[in-house]
Amino acid sequence: MVARQVSPSAWFVQGASALGNPANRNFISNAGFIATPEGAVVIDALGSPQLARELLAEIRRVTGRGVSHVVLTHYHADHIYGLQVFKEAGARIVAHRGALEYLHSATATQRLAASREELAPWIDAQTRLVPADLWIEGRHELVLGGTRIVLLPVGPAHTPEDLVVHLPAEKVLFAGDLVFRGRIPFVGQANSGHWIKALEQVLQLDAQVVVPGHGELSTSARQDMETTRDYLAYLREHMGRAAREMQPFDEAYARTDWSRFEHLPLFRAANRMNAYNTYLLMEQEVK
């Protein structure tokens, strides 16, 4: 694992555009860190304790310091299973309060149990869910040795608890899974209407560099955010029409022209599920 520098104070590591499996060790998401005089601030904890150990070693190599804080953009498995390593290293974990419902849900427990089987040996009986030390609700700032880092809640979007992390002095934005670059987004149970509004909101930050939750670094923020936005809007348009006309999902999916997106990685793995979840969401919205 080798970190790439994106500004004088910020770095990131890039996961694979793939589904998590034992071969890739669940290294399928990005993580970043910001060097400050009081220690590094890490953005997301990666998808296994071993990956977190490697990231922690890379942070120490690059910055010569430990980690003061870990900020979670959201509580999905590929971003949180490394948390215990940073907690044991003395870091303070910060996340949005909207994640509490998921963290204490049967879904989170079942997902961890499944991961222990599907992602062994990287996820095992010692891997655990770790709560935040500080749960925030609104805009929050970390000021460490003169470095100002702004945490902005933008959910409900990809998840109820989405946060983005802004380094204003260097015009860097860690966007979490608000932005997927070079692959099909994972929509899941997302509120796609609010997700589109959140993208418009963060575009106003005028970041020159955006680290997405998945995919390559972006130096064309508007274009890359618009790609995610346009995909979500396309899902809503076509699945919304089907829901309004009470057209069965299978028929609607087969009739939709997906050629604009089918070249993207993980299209076959994720698109049908994304469309179905959007269809169910639009059924609720049109009632």
Protein backbone atom coordinates (compact mmCIF):
# COMPACT_ATOMS: atom_id res chain seq x y z
CA MET A 1 0.00 0.00 0.00
CA VAL A 2 1.50 3.30 -1.13
CA ALA A 3 -0.16 6.64 -0.43
CA ARG A 4 -0.40 9.24 -3.20
CA GLN A 5 -0.02 12.91 -2.33
CA VAL A 6 -2.83 15.14 -3.58
CA SER A 7 -1.89 18.46 -1.93
CA PRO A 8 0.81 19.71 0.47
CA SER A 9 -0.97 18.15 3.46
CA ALA A 10 -3.23 15.42 2.01
CA TRP A 11 -2.74 11.87 0.70
CA PHE A 12 -4.96 8.95 -0.26
CA VAL A 13 -4.83 5.23 -1.00
CA GLN A 14 -6.99 3.71 -3.72
CA GLY A 15 -8.91 0.47 -3.56
CA ALA A 16 -9.79 -1.81 -6.46
CA SER A 17 -12.88 -1.31 -8.62
CA ALA A 18 -14.23 -4.70 -7.63
CA LEU A 19 -16.42 -6.50 -5.16
CA GLY A 20 -14.72 -7.47 -1.91
CA ASN A 21 -13.17 -10.93 -1.87
CA PRO A 22 -10.32 -12.75 -0.11
CA ALA A 23 -7.95 -12.10 -3.01
CA ASN A 24 -8.27 -8.30 -2.75
CA ARG A 25 -8.61 -8.41 1.08
CA ASN A 26 -11.71 -6.20 0.81
CA PHE A 27 -9.50 -3.33 -0.39
CA ILE A 28 -12.24 -1.88 -2.59
CA SER A 29 -12.66 1.62 -1.17
CA ASN A 30 -10.42 4.64 -0.82
CA ALA A 31 -9.09 6.20 2.36
CA GLY A 32 -7.21 9.42 2.92
CA PHE A 33 -5.27 11.31 5.52
CA ILE A 34 -4.36 14.90 6.28
CA ALA A 35 -1.06 15.64 8.04
CA THR A 36 -1.22 18.16 10.88
CA PRO A 37 1.31 19.18 13.56
CA GLU A 38 -0.83 17.24 16.07
CA GLY A 39 -1.04 14.00 14.11
CA ALA A 40 -2.80 12.76 11.01
CA VAL A 41 -6.55 12.94 10.47
CA VAL A 42 -7.64 9.80 8.63
CA ILE A 43 -10.72 9.73 6.40
CA ASP A 44 -12.25 6.24 6.49
CA ALA A 45 -10.65 3.10 7.89
CA LEU A 46 -10.70 0.63 4.97
CA GLY A 47 -12.25 -2.81 4.80
CA SER A 48 -10.21 -4.99 7.15
CA PRO A 49 -7.94 -4.67 10.19
CA GLN A 50 -4.91 -5.75 8.13
CA LEU A 51 -5.50 -2.98 5.60
CA ALA A 52 -5.77 -0.49 8.47
CA ARG A 53 -2.45 -1.70 9.88
CA GLU A 54 -0.81 -1.12 6.51
CA LEU A 55 -2.40 2.33 6.21
CA LEU A 56 -1.25 3.24 9.71
CA ALA A 57 2.31 2.18 8.85
CA GLU A 58 2.17 4.24 5.64
CA ILE A 59 0.92 7.28 7.56
CA ARG A 60 3.80 6.99 10.01
CA ARG A 61 6.26 6.59 7.13
CA VAL A 62 4.93 9.64 5.26
CA THR A 63 4.23 12.01 8.15
CA GLY A 64 6.51 10.76 10.93
CA ARG A 65 3.50 10.97 13.26
CA GLY A 66 0.63 8.89 14.52
CA VAL A 67 -3.10 9.40 14.01
CA SER A 68 -5.13 11.82 16.12
CA HIS A 69 -8.58 11.34 14.55
CA VAL A 70 -10.45 9.09 12.16
CA VAL A 71 -13.41 10.69 10.39
CA LEU A 72 -15.91 8.29 8.85
CA THR A 73 -17.76 9.41 5.76
CA HIS A 74 -20.34 6.65 6.45
CA TYR A 75 -20.65 3.26 8.16
CA HIS A 76 -20.51 0.83 5.24
CA ALA A 77 -18.43 -2.30 5.80
CA ASP A 78 -15.68 -1.53 3.29
CA HIS A 79 -14.97 1.75 5.11
CA ILE A 80 -15.17 0.66 8.77
CA TYR A 81 -13.70 -2.80 9.40
CA GLY A 82 -10.27 -1.28 10.03
CA LEU A 83 -11.53 1.01 12.79
CA GLN A 84 -10.38 -1.11 15.71
CA VAL A 85 -6.75 -0.74 14.64
CA PHE A 86 -6.92 3.06 14.77
CA LYS A 87 -8.86 2.95 18.03
CA GLU A 88 -6.15 0.78 19.59
CA ALA A 89 -3.54 3.25 18.31
CA GLY A 90 -5.23 6.04 20.29
CA ALA A 91 -7.21 7.80 17.55
CA ARG A 92 -10.49 9.55 18.29
CA ILE A 93 -13.27 8.42 15.94
CA VAL A 94 -15.73 10.99 14.57
CA ALA A 95 -18.91 10.17 12.64
CA HIS A 96 -22.42 11.45 12.00
CA ARG A 97 -25.10 10.49 14.50
CA GLY A 98 -27.25 9.16 11.67
CA ALA A 99 -25.11 6.00 11.68
CA LEU A 100 -26.25 4.92 15.13
CA GLU A 101 -29.37 3.19 13.85
CA TYR A 102 -27.36 1.07 11.42
CA LEU A 103 -24.56 0.36 13.90
CA HIS A 104 -27.04 -1.14 16.39
CA SER A 105 -29.10 -2.97 13.76
CA ALA A 106 -29.43 -6.66 12.94
CA THR A 107 -28.29 -5.76 9.42
CA ALA A 108 -24.86 -4.61 10.65
CA THR A 109 -24.46 -7.72 12.81
CA GLN A 110 -25.50 -10.03 9.98
CA ARG A 111 -23.22 -8.28 7.51
CA LEU A 112 -20.24 -8.76 9.82
CA ALA A 113 -21.11 -12.44 10.30
CA ALA A 114 -21.32 -12.93 6.53
CA SER A 115 -18.03 -11.07 6.02
CA ARG A 116 -16.30 -13.38 8.49
CA GLU A 117 -17.19 -16.24 6.16
CA GLU A 118 -16.86 -14.57 2.76
CA LEU A 119 -13.73 -12.52 3.49
CA ALA A 120 -11.76 -14.88 5.72
CA PRO A 121 -9.04 -14.70 6.88
CA TRP A 122 -9.06 -10.90 6.62
CA ILE A 123 -12.32 -10.57 8.53
CA ASP A 124 -12.48 -12.98 11.47
CA ALA A 125 -13.90 -13.49 14.97
CA GLN A 126 -11.70 -10.66 16.31
CA THR A 127 -13.07 -8.13 13.82
CA ARG A 128 -15.68 -5.98 15.52
CA LEU A 129 -17.96 -3.02 14.95
CA VAL A 130 -16.56 0.12 16.59
CA PRO A 131 -18.72 3.12 17.53
CA ALA A 132 -17.56 6.71 17.23
CA ASP A 133 -16.15 8.60 20.19
CA LEU A 134 -17.78 11.78 18.91
CA TRP A 135 -21.14 11.74 17.14
CA ILE A 136 -21.85 14.98 15.31
CA GLU A 137 -25.09 16.28 13.79
CA GLY A 138 -24.22 19.52 12.04
CA ARG A 139 -21.19 21.19 10.53
CA HIS A 140 -18.09 20.55 12.63
CA GLU A 141 -14.50 21.79 12.48
CA LEU A 142 -11.28 20.16 13.61
CA VAL A 143 -8.44 22.64 14.12
CA LEU A 144 -5.15 20.89 14.79
CA GLY A 145 -1.93 22.88 14.97
CA GLY A 146 -3.45 25.57 12.78
CA THR A 147 -4.81 23.13 10.16
CA ARG A 148 -8.57 23.63 9.71
CA ILE A 149 -10.60 20.64 8.55
CA VAL A 150 -14.34 21.03 7.95
CA LEU A 151 -16.78 18.13 8.32
CA LEU A 152 -20.04 18.68 6.43
CA PRO A 153 -23.07 16.39 6.80
CA VAL A 154 -24.69 15.87 3.39
CA GLY A 155 -27.07 12.97 4.09
CA PRO A 156 -29.41 11.37 3.69
CA ALA A 157 -27.83 10.55 0.34
CA HIS A 158 -25.78 7.40 -0.22
CA THR A 159 -26.50 6.72 3.48
CA PRO A 160 -28.36 8.65 6.19
CA GLU A 161 -25.03 9.61 7.78
CA ASP A 162 -22.94 10.86 4.84
CA LEU A 163 -20.15 13.30 5.69
CA VAL A 164 -17.69 15.00 3.38
CA VAL A 165 -14.34 16.28 4.63
CA HIS A 166 -13.07 19.60 3.29
CA LEU A 167 -9.57 21.03 3.58
CA PRO A 168 -10.37 24.60 2.51
CA ALA A 169 -6.83 25.98 2.53
CA GLU A 170 -5.76 23.43 -0.08
CA LYS A 171 -9.12 23.07 -1.90
CA VAL A 172 -9.25 19.32 -1.30
CA LEU A 173 -12.50 17.43 -0.72
CA PHE A 174 -12.80 13.86 0.54
CA ALA A 175 -16.25 13.04 -0.82
CA GLY A 176 -16.80 9.53 0.51
CA ASP A 177 -19.37 7.56 -1.44
CA LEU A 178 -21.14 10.67 -2.56
CA VAL A 179 -18.85 10.26 -5.59
CA PHE A 180 -17.93 7.04 -7.40
CA ARG A 181 -15.41 7.55 -10.17
CA GLY A 182 -14.83 5.17 -13.06
CA ARG A 183 -17.38 2.60 -11.89
CA ILE A 184 -21.08 2.14 -11.29
CA PRO A 185 -22.14 3.58 -7.92
CA PHE A 186 -23.58 1.33 -5.23
CA VAL A 187 -27.04 2.76 -4.64
CA GLY A 188 -28.39 0.32 -2.06
CA GLN A 189 -31.09 1.92 0.07
CA ALA A 190 -29.92 5.42 -0.87
CA ASN A 191 -32.14 8.47 -0.99
CA SER A 192 -31.17 9.28 -4.57
CA GLY A 193 -33.20 12.48 -4.74
CA HIS A 194 -31.31 13.95 -1.79
CA TRP A 195 -28.06 12.49 -3.13
CA ILE A 196 -28.41 14.60 -6.27
CA LYS A 197 -29.04 17.69 -4.11
CA ALA A 198 -25.99 16.85 -1.98
CA LEU A 199 -23.79 16.74 -5.07
CA GLU A 200 -25.01 20.20 -6.03
CA GLN A 201 -24.24 21.36 -2.48
CA VAL A 202 -20.65 20.15 -2.45
CA LEU A 203 -20.00 21.55 -5.92
CA GLN A 204 -20.38 24.97 -4.28
CA LEU A 205 -17.25 24.26 -2.21
CA ASP A 206 -15.20 24.77 -5.38
CA ALA A 207 -12.71 22.03 -4.56
CA GLN A 208 -9.91 21.60 -7.08
CA VAL A 209 -9.16 18.02 -6.04
CA VAL A 210 -11.79 15.45 -5.03
CA VAL A 211 -10.96 12.09 -3.47
CA PRO A 212 -13.97 9.85 -4.17
CA GLY A 213 -15.03 6.95 -2.01
CA HIS A 214 -14.22 4.64 -4.92
CA GLY A 215 -12.10 5.19 -7.99
CA GLU A 216 -9.34 7.43 -9.25
CA LEU A 217 -8.53 10.87 -7.88
CA SER A 218 -10.54 13.63 -9.55
CA THR A 219 -9.12 16.95 -10.69
CA SER A 220 -12.29 17.68 -12.70
CA ALA A 221 -14.72 17.79 -9.82
CA ARG A 222 -17.76 19.10 -11.66
CA GLN A 223 -17.50 16.57 -14.46
CA ASP A 224 -17.05 13.60 -12.12
CA MET A 225 -19.79 14.65 -9.74
CA GLU A 226 -22.07 15.22 -12.69
CA THR A 227 -21.39 11.67 -13.91
CA THR A 228 -22.63 10.26 -10.59
CA ARG A 229 -25.53 12.71 -10.59
CA ASP A 230 -26.53 11.85 -14.16
CA TYR A 231 -26.55 8.12 -13.41
CA LEU A 232 -28.81 8.64 -10.41
CA ALA A 233 -31.07 10.94 -12.41
CA TYR A 234 -31.30 8.36 -15.20
CA LEU A 235 -32.33 5.67 -12.72
CA ARG A 236 -34.97 7.96 -11.22
CA GLU A 237 -36.33 9.01 -14.60
CA HIS A 238 -36.81 5.53 -16.02
CA MET A 239 -37.74 3.67 -12.85
CA GLY A 240 -39.98 6.56 -11.82
CA ARG A 241 -41.87 6.36 -15.10
CA ALA A 242 -42.30 2.62 -14.64
CA ALA A 243 -43.56 3.10 -11.09
CA ARG A 244 -46.05 5.78 -12.14
CA GLU A 245 -47.35 3.60 -14.97
CA MET A 246 -47.41 0.53 -12.67
CA GLN A 247 -45.16 -1.31 -15.09
CA PRO A 248 -43.56 -4.48 -13.64
CA PHE A 249 -39.90 -4.00 -12.78
CA ASP A 250 -38.55 -6.82 -14.97
CA GLU A 251 -40.33 -5.40 -17.98
CA ALA A 252 -39.18 -1.85 -17.24
CA TYR A 253 -35.59 -2.94 -16.76
CA ALA A 254 -35.53 -4.88 -20.02
CA ARG A 255 -36.94 -1.92 -21.96
CA THR A 256 -34.46 0.63 -20.56
CA ASP A 257 -31.47 1.56 -22.72
CA TRP A 258 -28.43 1.09 -20.45
CA SER A 259 -25.81 1.61 -23.18
CA ARG A 260 -24.63 4.90 -21.69
CA PHE A 261 -23.41 3.11 -18.56
CA GLU A 262 -22.85 -0.55 -19.39
CA HIS A 263 -19.15 -0.06 -20.19
CA LEU A 264 -18.41 0.97 -16.59
CA PRO A 265 -16.83 -1.50 -14.14
CA LEU A 266 -19.32 -3.38 -11.94
CA PHE A 267 -22.24 -2.56 -14.25
CA ARG A 268 -23.30 -6.20 -14.38
CA ALA A 269 -22.79 -6.69 -10.66
CA ALA A 270 -24.63 -3.59 -9.47
CA ASN A 271 -26.87 -1.99 -12.07
CA ARG A 272 -29.89 -4.27 -11.83
CA MET A 273 -29.90 -4.03 -8.03
CA ASN A 274 -29.52 -0.24 -8.25
CA ALA A 275 -32.44 -0.05 -10.66
CA TYR A 276 -34.63 -2.28 -8.48
CA ASN A 277 -33.93 -0.29 -5.32
CA THR A 278 -34.67 2.92 -7.21
CA TYR A 279 -37.91 1.40 -8.54
CA LEU A 280 -39.01 0.64 -4.97
CA LEU A 281 -38.03 4.16 -3.86
CA MET A 282 -39.95 5.75 -6.73
CA GLU A 283 -43.03 3.65 -5.91
CA GLN A 284 -43.02 5.32 -2.50
CA GLU A 285 -42.41 8.78 -3.92
CA VAL A 286 -45.25 8.62 -6.45
CA LYS A 287 -47.87 7.49 -3.91
